PDB file of N, CA and C in Angstrom:
ATOM      1  N   UNK A   1     152.875  78.995 117.896  1.00  0.00           N
ATOM      2  CA  UNK A   1     151.955  77.921 117.604  1.00  0.00           C
ATOM      3  C   UNK A   1     152.094  77.562 116.140  1.00  0.00           C
ATOM      4  N   UNK A   2     152.066  76.291 115.877  1.00  0.00           N
ATOM      5  CA  UNK A   2     151.869  75.865 114.503  1.00  0.00           C
ATOM      6  C   UNK A   2     151.058  74.585 114.489  1.00  0.00           C
ATOM      7  N   UNK A   3     150.397  74.367 113.388  1.00  0.00           N
ATOM      8  CA  UNK A   3     149.592  73.175 113.182  1.00  0.00           C
ATOM      9  C   UNK A   3     149.991  72.609 111.831  1.00  0.00           C
ATOM     10  N   UNK A   4     150.474  71.375 111.831  1.00  0.00           N
ATOM     11  CA  UNK A   4     150.880  70.719 110.587  1.00  0.00           C
ATOM     12  C   UNK A   4     149.838  69.659 110.262  1.00  0.00           C
ATOM     13  N   UNK A   5     149.112  69.867 109.182  1.00  0.00           N
ATOM     14  CA  UNK A   5     148.057  68.959 108.760  1.00  0.00           C
ATOM     15  C   UNK A   5     148.576  68.088 107.620  1.00  0.00           C
ATOM     16  N   UNK A   6     148.748  66.814 107.870  1.00  0.00           N
ATOM     17  CA  UNK A   6     149.075  65.888 106.779  1.00  0.00           C
ATOM     18  C   UNK A   6     147.746  65.532 106.136  1.00  0.00           C
ATOM     19  N   UNK A   7     147.634  65.798 104.881  1.00  0.00           N
ATOM     20  CA  UNK A   7     146.340  65.755 104.221  1.00  0.00           C
ATOM     21  C   UNK A   7     145.690  64.382 104.212  1.00  0.00           C
ATOM     22  N   UNK A   8     146.446  63.321 104.481  1.00  0.00           N
ATOM     23  CA  UNK A   8     145.843  61.994 104.456  1.00  0.00           C
ATOM     24  C   UNK A   8     145.843  61.298 105.821  1.00  0.00           C
ATOM     25  N   UNK A   9     146.149  62.031 106.912  1.00  0.00           N
ATOM     26  CA  UNK A   9     146.221  61.373 108.221  1.00  0.00           C
ATOM     27  C   UNK A   9     145.724  62.303 109.331  1.00  0.00           C
ATOM     28  N   UNK A  10     144.424  62.312 109.585  1.00  0.00           N
ATOM     29  CA  UNK A  10     143.831  63.169 110.606  1.00  0.00           C
ATOM     30  C   UNK A  10     144.094  62.662 112.021  1.00  0.00           C
ATOM     31  N   UNK A  11     144.394  61.395 112.189  1.00  0.00           N
ATOM     32  CA  UNK A  11     144.546  60.812 113.521  1.00  0.00           C
ATOM     33  C   UNK A  11     145.740  61.363 114.290  1.00  0.00           C
ATOM     34  N   UNK A  12     146.775  61.794 113.614  1.00  0.00           N
ATOM     35  CA  UNK A  12     147.997  62.241 114.286  1.00  0.00           C
ATOM     36  C   UNK A  12     148.153  63.756 114.323  1.00  0.00           C
ATOM     37  N   UNK A  13     147.124  64.493 113.982  1.00  0.00           N
ATOM     38  CA  UNK A  13     147.207  65.950 113.980  1.00  0.00           C
ATOM     39  C   UNK A  13     147.227  66.486 115.399  1.00  0.00           C
ATOM     40  N   UNK A  14     148.045  67.510 115.633  1.00  0.00           N
ATOM     41  CA  UNK A  14     148.045  68.182 116.925  1.00  0.00           C
ATOM     42  C   UNK A  14     148.684  69.551 116.792  1.00  0.00           C
ATOM     43  N   UNK A  15     148.334  70.428 117.706  1.00  0.00           N
ATOM     44  CA  UNK A  15     148.943  71.737 117.769  1.00  0.00           C
ATOM     45  C   UNK A  15     150.273  71.642 118.497  1.00  0.00           C
ATOM     46  N   UNK A  16     151.248  72.392 118.042  1.00  0.00           N
ATOM     47  CA  UNK A  16     152.488  72.598 118.784  1.00  0.00           C
ATOM     48  C   UNK A  16     152.405  74.028 119.294  1.00  0.00           C
ATOM     49  N   UNK A  17     152.274  74.201 120.608  1.00  0.00           N
ATOM     50  CA  UNK A  17     152.065  75.520 121.199  1.00  0.00           C
ATOM     51  C   UNK A  17     153.275  75.892 122.035  1.00  0.00           C
ATOM     52  N   UNK A  18     153.827  77.081 121.791  1.00  0.00           N
ATOM     53  CA  UNK A  18     154.937  77.610 122.558  1.00  0.00           C
ATOM     54  C   UNK A  18     154.366  78.283 123.804  1.00  0.00           C
ATOM     55  N   UNK A  19     154.692  77.783 124.978  1.00  0.00           N
ATOM     56  CA  UNK A  19     154.132  78.318 126.218  1.00  0.00           C
ATOM     57  C   UNK A  19     154.623  79.718 126.560  1.00  0.00           C
ATOM     58  N   UNK A  20     155.632  80.202 125.875  1.00  0.00           N
ATOM     59  CA  UNK A  20     156.147  81.545 126.141  1.00  0.00           C
ATOM     60  C   UNK A  20     155.347  82.616 125.399  1.00  0.00           C
ATOM     61  N   UNK A  21     154.526  82.222 124.469  1.00  0.00           N
ATOM     62  CA  UNK A  21     153.761  83.166 123.667  1.00  0.00           C
ATOM     63  C   UNK A  21     152.640  83.794 124.493  1.00  0.00           C
ATOM     64  N   UNK A  22     152.329  85.046 124.218  1.00  0.00           N
ATOM     65  CA  UNK A  22     151.233  85.733 124.907  1.00  0.00           C
ATOM     66  C   UNK A  22     150.029  85.820 123.978  1.00  0.00           C
ATOM     67  N   UNK A  23     148.930  86.266 124.514  1.00  0.00           N
ATOM     68  CA  UNK A  23     147.721  86.546 123.728  1.00  0.00           C
ATOM     69  C   UNK A  23     147.082  85.309 123.111  1.00  0.00           C
ATOM     70  N   UNK A  24     147.166  84.169 123.770  1.00  0.00           N
ATOM     71  CA  UNK A  24     146.525  82.997 123.199  1.00  0.00           C
ATOM     72  C   UNK A  24     145.857  82.159 124.277  1.00  0.00           C
ATOM     73  N   UNK A  25     144.954  81.294 123.822  1.00  0.00           N
ATOM     74  CA  UNK A  25     144.298  80.317 124.688  1.00  0.00           C
ATOM     75  C   UNK A  25     144.132  79.046 123.866  1.00  0.00           C
ATOM     76  N   UNK A  26     144.266  77.902 124.498  1.00  0.00           N
ATOM     77  CA  UNK A  26     144.194  76.628 123.791  1.00  0.00           C
ATOM     78  C   UNK A  26     143.501  75.606 124.683  1.00  0.00           C
ATOM     79  N   UNK A  27     142.671  74.767 124.069  1.00  0.00           N
ATOM     80  CA  UNK A  27     142.030  73.676 124.791  1.00  0.00           C
ATOM     81  C   UNK A  27     141.849  72.504 123.832  1.00  0.00           C
ATOM     82  N   UNK A  28     141.975  71.310 124.379  1.00  0.00           N
ATOM     83  CA  UNK A  28     141.686  70.092 123.625  1.00  0.00           C
ATOM     84  C   UNK A  28     140.641  69.315 124.416  1.00  0.00           C
ATOM     85  N   UNK A  29     139.489  69.088 123.801  1.00  0.00           N
ATOM     86  CA  UNK A  29     138.415  68.320 124.410  1.00  0.00           C
ATOM     87  C   UNK A  29     138.034  67.228 123.419  1.00  0.00           C
ATOM     88  N   UNK A  30     138.159  65.983 123.890  1.00  0.00           N
ATOM     89  CA  UNK A  30     137.907  64.834 123.020  1.00  0.00           C
ATOM     90  C   UNK A  30     138.765  64.967 121.767  1.00  0.00           C
ATOM     91  N   UNK A  31     138.183  64.978 120.605  1.00  0.00           N
ATOM     92  CA  UNK A  31     138.934  65.109 119.360  1.00  0.00           C
ATOM     93  C   UNK A  31     138.738  66.472 118.703  1.00  0.00           C
ATOM     94  N   UNK A  32     138.543  67.492 119.528  1.00  0.00           N
ATOM     95  CA  UNK A  32     138.426  68.855 119.008  1.00  0.00           C
ATOM     96  C   UNK A  32     139.450  69.725 119.729  1.00  0.00           C
ATOM     97  N   UNK A  33     140.307  70.376 118.929  1.00  0.00           N
ATOM     98  CA  UNK A  33     141.307  71.315 119.433  1.00  0.00           C
ATOM     99  C   UNK A  33     140.860  72.720 119.060  1.00  0.00           C
ATOM    100  N   UNK A  34     140.939  73.635 120.020  1.00  0.00           N
ATOM    101  CA  UNK A  34     140.602  75.034 119.777  1.00  0.00           C
ATOM    102  C   UNK A  34     141.817  75.872 120.143  1.00  0.00           C
ATOM    103  N   UNK A  35     142.235  76.741 119.242  1.00  0.00           N
ATOM    104  CA  UNK A  35     143.327  77.667 119.514  1.00  0.00           C
ATOM    105  C   UNK A  35     142.837  79.075 119.201  1.00  0.00           C
ATOM    106  N   UNK A  36     142.981  79.986 120.176  1.00  0.00           N
ATOM    107  CA  UNK A  36     142.599  81.388 119.988  1.00  0.00           C
ATOM    108  C   UNK A  36     143.855  82.240 120.118  1.00  0.00           C
ATOM    109  N   UNK A  37     144.052  83.097 119.157  1.00  0.00           N
ATOM    110  CA  UNK A  37     145.140  84.069 119.190  1.00  0.00           C
ATOM    111  C   UNK A  37     144.485  85.446 119.144  1.00  0.00           C
ATOM    112  N   UNK A  38     144.595  86.195 120.225  1.00  0.00           N
ATOM    113  CA  UNK A  38     143.969  87.509 120.299  1.00  0.00           C
ATOM    114  C   UNK A  38     142.855  87.540 121.327  1.00  0.00           C
ATOM    115  N   UNK A  39     141.875  88.417 121.078  1.00  0.00           N
ATOM    116  CA  UNK A  39     140.844  88.683 122.073  1.00  0.00           C
ATOM    117  C   UNK A  39     139.443  88.732 121.460  1.00  0.00           C
ATOM    118  N   UNK A  40     138.806  87.564 121.276  1.00  0.00           N
ATOM    119  CA  UNK A  40     137.414  87.590 120.824  1.00  0.00           C
ATOM    120  C   UNK A  40     136.507  88.054 121.966  1.00  0.00           C
ATOM    121  N   UNK A  41     135.427  88.716 121.605  1.00  0.00           N
ATOM    122  CA  UNK A  41     134.534  89.322 122.590  1.00  0.00           C
ATOM    123  C   UNK A  41     133.095  88.986 122.247  1.00  0.00           C
ATOM    124  N   UNK A  42     132.292  88.715 123.268  1.00  0.00           N
ATOM    125  CA  UNK A  42     130.874  88.440 123.100  1.00  0.00           C
ATOM    126  C   UNK A  42     130.087  89.661 123.568  1.00  0.00           C
ATOM    127  N   UNK A  43     129.485  90.382 122.622  1.00  0.00           N
ATOM    128  CA  UNK A  43     128.722  91.587 122.962  1.00  0.00           C
ATOM    129  C   UNK A  43     127.494  91.276 123.808  1.00  0.00           C
ATOM    130  N   UNK A  44     126.844  90.134 123.544  1.00  0.00           N
ATOM    131  CA  UNK A  44     125.625  89.786 124.278  1.00  0.00           C
ATOM    132  C   UNK A  44     125.915  89.515 125.752  1.00  0.00           C
ATOM    133  N   UNK A  45     127.003  88.816 126.035  1.00  0.00           N
ATOM    134  CA  UNK A  45     127.358  88.494 127.419  1.00  0.00           C
ATOM    135  C   UNK A  45     128.290  89.538 128.020  1.00  0.00           C
ATOM    136  N   UNK A  46     128.757  90.483 127.190  1.00  0.00           N
ATOM    137  CA  UNK A  46     129.697  91.520 127.621  1.00  0.00           C
ATOM    138  C   UNK A  46     130.918  90.901 128.297  1.00  0.00           C
ATOM    139  N   UNK A  47     131.545  89.925 127.609  1.00  0.00           N
ATOM    140  CA  UNK A  47     132.707  89.251 128.184  1.00  0.00           C
ATOM    141  C   UNK A  47     133.647  88.749 127.090  1.00  0.00           C
ATOM    142  N   UNK A  48     134.905  88.534 127.475  1.00  0.00           N
ATOM    143  CA  UNK A  48     135.888  87.935 126.581  1.00  0.00           C
ATOM    144  C   UNK A  48     135.551  86.468 126.402  1.00  0.00           C
ATOM    145  N   UNK A  49     135.933  85.904 125.283  1.00  0.00           N
ATOM    146  CA  UNK A  49     135.630  84.522 124.967  1.00  0.00           C
ATOM    147  C   UNK A  49     136.897  83.677 125.092  1.00  0.00           C
ATOM    148  N   UNK A  50     136.814  82.611 125.852  1.00  0.00           N
ATOM    149  CA  UNK A  50     137.949  81.703 126.034  1.00  0.00           C
ATOM    150  C   UNK A  50     137.862  80.554 125.028  1.00  0.00           C
ATOM    151  N   UNK A  51     138.903  79.745 124.974  1.00  0.00           N
ATOM    152  CA  UNK A  51     138.880  78.556 124.115  1.00  0.00           C
ATOM    153  C   UNK A  51     137.775  77.598 124.554  1.00  0.00           C
ATOM    154  N   UNK A  52     137.549  77.482 125.860  1.00  0.00           N
ATOM    155  CA  UNK A  52     136.458  76.627 126.354  1.00  0.00           C
ATOM    156  C   UNK A  52     135.100  77.163 125.891  1.00  0.00           C
ATOM    157  N   UNK A  53     134.922  78.490 125.900  1.00  0.00           N
ATOM    158  CA  UNK A  53     133.682  79.090 125.401  1.00  0.00           C
ATOM    159  C   UNK A  53     133.481  78.773 123.918  1.00  0.00           C
ATOM    160  N   UNK A  54     134.554  78.881 123.132  1.00  0.00           N
ATOM    161  CA  UNK A  54     134.464  78.570 121.707  1.00  0.00           C
ATOM    162  C   UNK A  54     134.091  77.107 121.513  1.00  0.00           C
ATOM    163  N   UNK A  55     134.680  76.220 122.306  1.00  0.00           N
ATOM    164  CA  UNK A  55     134.338  74.795 122.214  1.00  0.00           C
ATOM    165  C   UNK A  55     132.842  74.582 122.466  1.00  0.00           C
ATOM    166  N   UNK A  56     132.318  75.209 123.519  1.00  0.00           N
ATOM    167  CA  UNK A  56     130.900  75.054 123.844  1.00  0.00           C
ATOM    168  C   UNK A  56     130.005  75.640 122.748  1.00  0.00           C
ATOM    169  N   UNK A  57     130.372  76.811 122.240  1.00  0.00           N
ATOM    170  CA  UNK A  57     129.590  77.432 121.165  1.00  0.00           C
ATOM    171  C   UNK A  57     129.633  76.590 119.896  1.00  0.00           C
ATOM    172  N   UNK A  58     130.811  76.095 119.553  1.00  0.00           N
ATOM    173  CA  UNK A  58     130.971  75.259 118.359  1.00  0.00           C
ATOM    174  C   UNK A  58     130.200  73.944 118.506  1.00  0.00           C
ATOM    175  N   UNK A  59     130.239  73.353 119.692  1.00  0.00           N
ATOM    176  CA  UNK A  59     129.516  72.095 119.932  1.00  0.00           C
ATOM    177  C   UNK A  59     128.013  72.275 119.797  1.00  0.00           C
ATOM    178  N   UNK A  60     127.515  73.435 120.257  1.00  0.00           N
ATOM    179  CA  UNK A  60     126.075  73.719 120.212  1.00  0.00           C
ATOM    180  C   UNK A  60     125.603  74.191 118.849  1.00  0.00           C
ATOM    181  N   UNK A  61     126.336  75.140 118.247  1.00  0.00           N
ATOM    182  CA  UNK A  61     125.847  75.846 117.059  1.00  0.00           C
ATOM    183  C   UNK A  61     126.639  75.579 115.790  1.00  0.00           C
ATOM    184  N   UNK A  62     127.688  74.767 115.868  1.00  0.00           N
ATOM    185  CA  UNK A  62     128.545  74.592 114.702  1.00  0.00           C
ATOM    186  C   UNK A  62     129.320  75.863 114.432  1.00  0.00           C
ATOM    187  N   UNK A  63     129.806  76.001 113.244  1.00  0.00           N
ATOM    188  CA  UNK A  63     130.654  77.141 112.890  1.00  0.00           C
ATOM    189  C   UNK A  63     129.879  78.460 112.862  1.00  0.00           C
ATOM    190  N   UNK A  64     128.557  78.414 112.878  1.00  0.00           N
ATOM    191  CA  UNK A  64     127.737  79.627 112.834  1.00  0.00           C
ATOM    192  C   UNK A  64     127.938  80.542 114.034  1.00  0.00           C
ATOM    193  N   UNK A  65     128.526  80.046 115.117  1.00  0.00           N
ATOM    194  CA  UNK A  65     128.761  80.893 116.289  1.00  0.00           C
ATOM    195  C   UNK A  65     129.637  82.089 115.940  1.00  0.00           C
ATOM    196  N   UNK A  66     130.463  81.964 114.922  1.00  0.00           N
ATOM    197  CA  UNK A  66     131.460  82.995 114.598  1.00  0.00           C
ATOM    198  C   UNK A  66     130.825  84.330 114.221  1.00  0.00           C
ATOM    199  N   UNK A  67     129.619  84.307 113.687  1.00  0.00           N
ATOM    200  CA  UNK A  67     128.985  85.571 113.281  1.00  0.00           C
ATOM    201  C   UNK A  67     128.587  86.430 114.479  1.00  0.00           C
ATOM    202  N   UNK A  68     128.565  85.849 115.678  1.00  0.00           N
ATOM    203  CA  UNK A  68     128.126  86.575 116.866  1.00  0.00           C
ATOM    204  C   UNK A  68     129.262  87.069 117.752  1.00  0.00           C
ATOM    205  N   UNK A  69     130.513  86.972 117.283  1.00  0.00           N
ATOM    206  CA  UNK A  69     131.620  87.441 118.122  1.00  0.00           C
ATOM    207  C   UNK A  69     132.289  88.651 117.489  1.00  0.00           C
ATOM    208  N   UNK A  70     132.888  89.446 118.339  1.00  0.00           N
ATOM    209  CA  UNK A  70     133.567  90.665 117.923  1.00  0.00           C
ATOM    210  C   UNK A  70     134.976  90.633 118.498  1.00  0.00           C
ATOM    211  N   UNK A  71     135.726  91.689 118.328  1.00  0.00           N
ATOM    212  CA  UNK A  71     137.069  91.761 118.880  1.00  0.00           C
ATOM    213  C   UNK A  71     138.118  91.609 117.802  1.00  0.00           C
ATOM    214  N   UNK A  72     139.363  91.394 118.251  1.00  0.00           N
ATOM    215  CA  UNK A  72     140.488  91.174 117.343  1.00  0.00           C
ATOM    216  C   UNK A  72     141.082  89.812 117.667  1.00  0.00           C
ATOM    217  N   UNK A  73     141.098  88.917 116.684  1.00  0.00           N
ATOM    218  CA  UNK A  73     141.453  87.527 116.977  1.00  0.00           C
ATOM    219  C   UNK A  73     141.641  86.727 115.694  1.00  0.00           C
ATOM    220  N   UNK A  74     142.261  85.578 115.862  1.00  0.00           N
ATOM    221  CA  UNK A  74     142.223  84.470 114.912  1.00  0.00           C
ATOM    222  C   UNK A  74     141.904  83.230 115.726  1.00  0.00           C
ATOM    223  N   UNK A  75     141.038  82.386 115.216  1.00  0.00           N
ATOM    224  CA  UNK A  75     140.640  81.155 115.902  1.00  0.00           C
ATOM    225  C   UNK A  75     140.844  79.995 114.940  1.00  0.00           C
ATOM    226  N   UNK A  76     141.454  78.926 115.450  1.00  0.00           N
ATOM    227  CA  UNK A  76     141.596  77.697 114.667  1.00  0.00           C
ATOM    228  C   UNK A  76     140.840  76.598 115.406  1.00  0.00           C
ATOM    229  N   UNK A  77     139.967  75.920 114.695  1.00  0.00           N
ATOM    230  CA  UNK A  77     139.232  74.775 115.245  1.00  0.00           C
ATOM    231  C   UNK A  77     139.637  73.553 114.441  1.00  0.00           C
ATOM    232  N   UNK A  78     140.256  72.610 115.112  1.00  0.00           N
ATOM    233  CA  UNK A  78     140.649  71.348 114.487  1.00  0.00           C
ATOM    234  C   UNK A  78     139.683  70.284 114.976  1.00  0.00           C
ATOM    235  N   UNK A  79     138.777  69.896 114.103  1.00  0.00           N
ATOM    236  CA  UNK A  79     137.720  68.933 114.429  1.00  0.00           C
ATOM    237  C   UNK A  79     138.069  67.591 113.788  1.00  0.00           C
ATOM    238  N   UNK A  80     138.696  66.717 114.569  1.00  0.00           N
ATOM    239  CA  UNK A  80     139.091  65.406 114.049  1.00  0.00           C
ATOM    240  C   UNK A  80     137.893  64.486 113.863  1.00  0.00           C
ATOM    241  N   UNK A  81     136.816  64.737 114.581  1.00  0.00           N
ATOM    242  CA  UNK A  81     135.604  63.919 114.453  1.00  0.00           C
ATOM    243  C   UNK A  81     135.042  64.039 113.040  1.00  0.00           C
ATOM    244  N   UNK A  82     134.906  65.286 112.572  1.00  0.00           N
ATOM    245  CA  UNK A  82     134.362  65.542 111.237  1.00  0.00           C
ATOM    246  C   UNK A  82     135.438  65.742 110.174  1.00  0.00           C
ATOM    247  N   UNK A  83     136.711  65.623 110.580  1.00  0.00           N
ATOM    248  CA  UNK A  83     137.858  65.800 109.680  1.00  0.00           C
ATOM    249  C   UNK A  83     137.789  67.140 108.963  1.00  0.00           C
ATOM    250  N   UNK A  84     137.669  68.203 109.793  1.00  0.00           N
ATOM    251  CA  UNK A  84     137.621  69.567 109.265  1.00  0.00           C
ATOM    252  C   UNK A  84     138.502  70.466 110.114  1.00  0.00           C
ATOM    253  N   UNK A  85     139.059  71.456 109.474  1.00  0.00           N
ATOM    254  CA  UNK A  85     139.830  72.486 110.169  1.00  0.00           C
ATOM    255  C   UNK A  85     139.278  73.837 109.733  1.00  0.00           C
ATOM    256  N   UNK A  86     138.860  74.649 110.703  1.00  0.00           N
ATOM    257  CA  UNK A  86     138.315  75.967 110.428  1.00  0.00           C
ATOM    258  C   UNK A  86     139.302  77.024 110.919  1.00  0.00           C
ATOM    259  N   UNK A  87     139.502  78.046 110.120  1.00  0.00           N
ATOM    260  CA  UNK A  87     140.299  79.201 110.512  1.00  0.00           C
ATOM    261  C   UNK A  87     139.382  80.410 110.415  1.00  0.00           C
ATOM    262  N   UNK A  88     139.219  81.099 111.548  1.00  0.00           N
ATOM    263  CA  UNK A  88     138.309  82.241 111.624  1.00  0.00           C
ATOM    264  C   UNK A  88     139.137  83.452 112.035  1.00  0.00           C
ATOM    265  N   UNK A  89     139.043  84.533 111.280  1.00  0.00           N
ATOM    266  CA  UNK A  89     139.744  85.757 111.643  1.00  0.00           C
ATOM    267  C   UNK A  89     138.748  86.906 111.708  1.00  0.00           C
ATOM    268  N   UNK A  90     139.091  87.896 112.517  1.00  0.00           N
ATOM    269  CA  UNK A  90     138.227  89.074 112.602  1.00  0.00           C
ATOM    270  C   UNK A  90     138.402  89.929 111.353  1.00  0.00           C
ATOM    271  N   UNK A  91     137.550  90.884 111.196  1.00  0.00           N
ATOM    272  CA  UNK A  91     137.580  91.723 109.992  1.00  0.00           C
ATOM    273  C   UNK A  91     138.755  92.688 109.953  1.00  0.00           C
ATOM    274  N   UNK A  92     139.425  92.914 111.095  1.00  0.00           N
ATOM    275  CA  UNK A  92     140.520  93.876 111.150  1.00  0.00           C
ATOM    276  C   UNK A  92     141.869  93.252 110.810  1.00  0.00           C
ATOM    277  N   UNK A  93     142.035  91.960 111.034  1.00  0.00           N
ATOM    278  CA  UNK A  93     143.263  91.261 110.675  1.00  0.00           C
ATOM    279  C   UNK A  93     144.471  91.598 111.523  1.00  0.00           C
ATOM    280  N   UNK A  94     144.253  91.995 112.771  1.00  0.00           N
ATOM    281  CA  UNK A  94     145.375  92.350 113.639  1.00  0.00           C
ATOM    282  C   UNK A  94     146.138  91.104 114.071  1.00  0.00           C
ATOM    283  N   UNK A  95     145.428  90.061 114.453  1.00  0.00           N
ATOM    284  CA  UNK A  95     146.058  88.796 114.852  1.00  0.00           C
ATOM    285  C   UNK A  95     145.993  87.847 113.656  1.00  0.00           C
ATOM    286  N   UNK A  96     147.045  87.861 112.859  1.00  0.00           N
ATOM    287  CA  UNK A  96     147.038  87.102 111.619  1.00  0.00           C
ATOM    288  C   UNK A  96     147.646  85.708 111.803  1.00  0.00           C
ATOM    289  N   UNK A  97     147.240  84.814 110.962  1.00  0.00           N
ATOM    290  CA  UNK A  97     147.841  83.485 110.850  1.00  0.00           C
ATOM    291  C   UNK A  97     148.378  83.358 109.428  1.00  0.00           C
ATOM    292  N   UNK A  98     149.439  82.612 109.287  1.00  0.00           N
ATOM    293  CA  UNK A  98     150.036  82.374 107.988  1.00  0.00           C
ATOM    294  C   UNK A  98     149.907  80.890 107.660  1.00  0.00           C
ATOM    295  N   UNK A  99     149.922  80.572 106.382  1.00  0.00           N
ATOM    296  CA  UNK A  99     149.823  79.168 106.013  1.00  0.00           C
ATOM    297  C   UNK A  99     150.761  78.843 104.853  1.00  0.00           C
ATOM    298  N   UNK A 100     151.116  77.584 104.791  1.00  0.00           N
ATOM    299  CA  UNK A 100     151.901  77.016 103.705  1.00  0.00           C
ATOM    300  C   UNK A 100     151.183  75.747 103.265  1.00  0.00           C
ATOM    301  N   UNK A 101     151.107  75.526 101.960  1.00  0.00           N
ATOM    302  CA  UNK A 101     150.443  74.321 101.448  1.00  0.00           C
ATOM    303  C   UNK A 101     151.276  73.743 100.316  1.00  0.00           C
ATOM    304  N   UNK A 102     151.466  72.421 100.366  1.00  0.00           N
ATOM    305  CA  UNK A 102     152.018  71.698  99.232  1.00  0.00           C
ATOM    306  C   UNK A 102     151.137  70.475  98.981  1.00  0.00           C
ATOM    307  N   UNK A 103     151.631  69.492  98.263  1.00  0.00           N
ATOM    308  CA  UNK A 103     150.804  68.337  97.909  1.00  0.00           C
ATOM    309  C   UNK A 103     150.483  67.433  99.103  1.00  0.00           C
ATOM    310  N   UNK A 104     151.281  67.504 100.176  1.00  0.00           N
ATOM    311  CA  UNK A 104     151.107  66.601 101.308  1.00  0.00           C
ATOM    312  C   UNK A 104     150.672  67.275 102.599  1.00  0.00           C
ATOM    313  N   UNK A 105     150.965  68.551 102.777  1.00  0.00           N
ATOM    314  CA  UNK A 105     150.744  69.214 104.058  1.00  0.00           C
ATOM    315  C   UNK A 105     150.130  70.590 103.895  1.00  0.00           C
ATOM    316  N   UNK A 106     149.462  70.998 104.971  1.00  0.00           N
ATOM    317  CA  UNK A 106     149.108  72.402 105.178  1.00  0.00           C
ATOM    318  C   UNK A 106     149.675  72.753 106.539  1.00  0.00           C
ATOM    319  N   UNK A 107     150.405  73.844 106.643  1.00  0.00           N
ATOM    320  CA  UNK A 107     150.965  74.276 107.917  1.00  0.00           C
ATOM    321  C   UNK A 107     150.400  75.654 108.236  1.00  0.00           C
ATOM    322  N   UNK A 108     149.776  75.780 109.422  1.00  0.00           N
ATOM    323  CA  UNK A 108     149.278  77.064 109.913  1.00  0.00           C
ATOM    324  C   UNK A 108     150.211  77.550 111.000  1.00  0.00           C
ATOM    325  N   UNK A 109     150.517  78.822 111.011  1.00  0.00           N
ATOM    326  CA  UNK A 109     151.376  79.376 112.038  1.00  0.00           C
ATOM    327  C   UNK A 109     150.964  80.794 112.360  1.00  0.00           C
TER     328      UNK A 109
END
């Protein structure tokens, strides 16, 4: 997976996802893309969290939902509506994401 963000053009942003990769989930709903790498867990519901679950939690609670999840994961939320990109990682750092930034782009991988 990689995400190339051109800093001045949010309309054409999209994830490039390799379907051969394991340990991930991805969903695009309206202008919000969610990518999960790893295994986030919800202690209250005693269940694994999918990209659709993250979308619903983010839609309801904003980014504050992240404080209530556990597990080992990295989550990327690309919100074209609000022109924001959030990268959330667990405290253990097992599922890491890397980034590159120059004057025109940010690339997450």
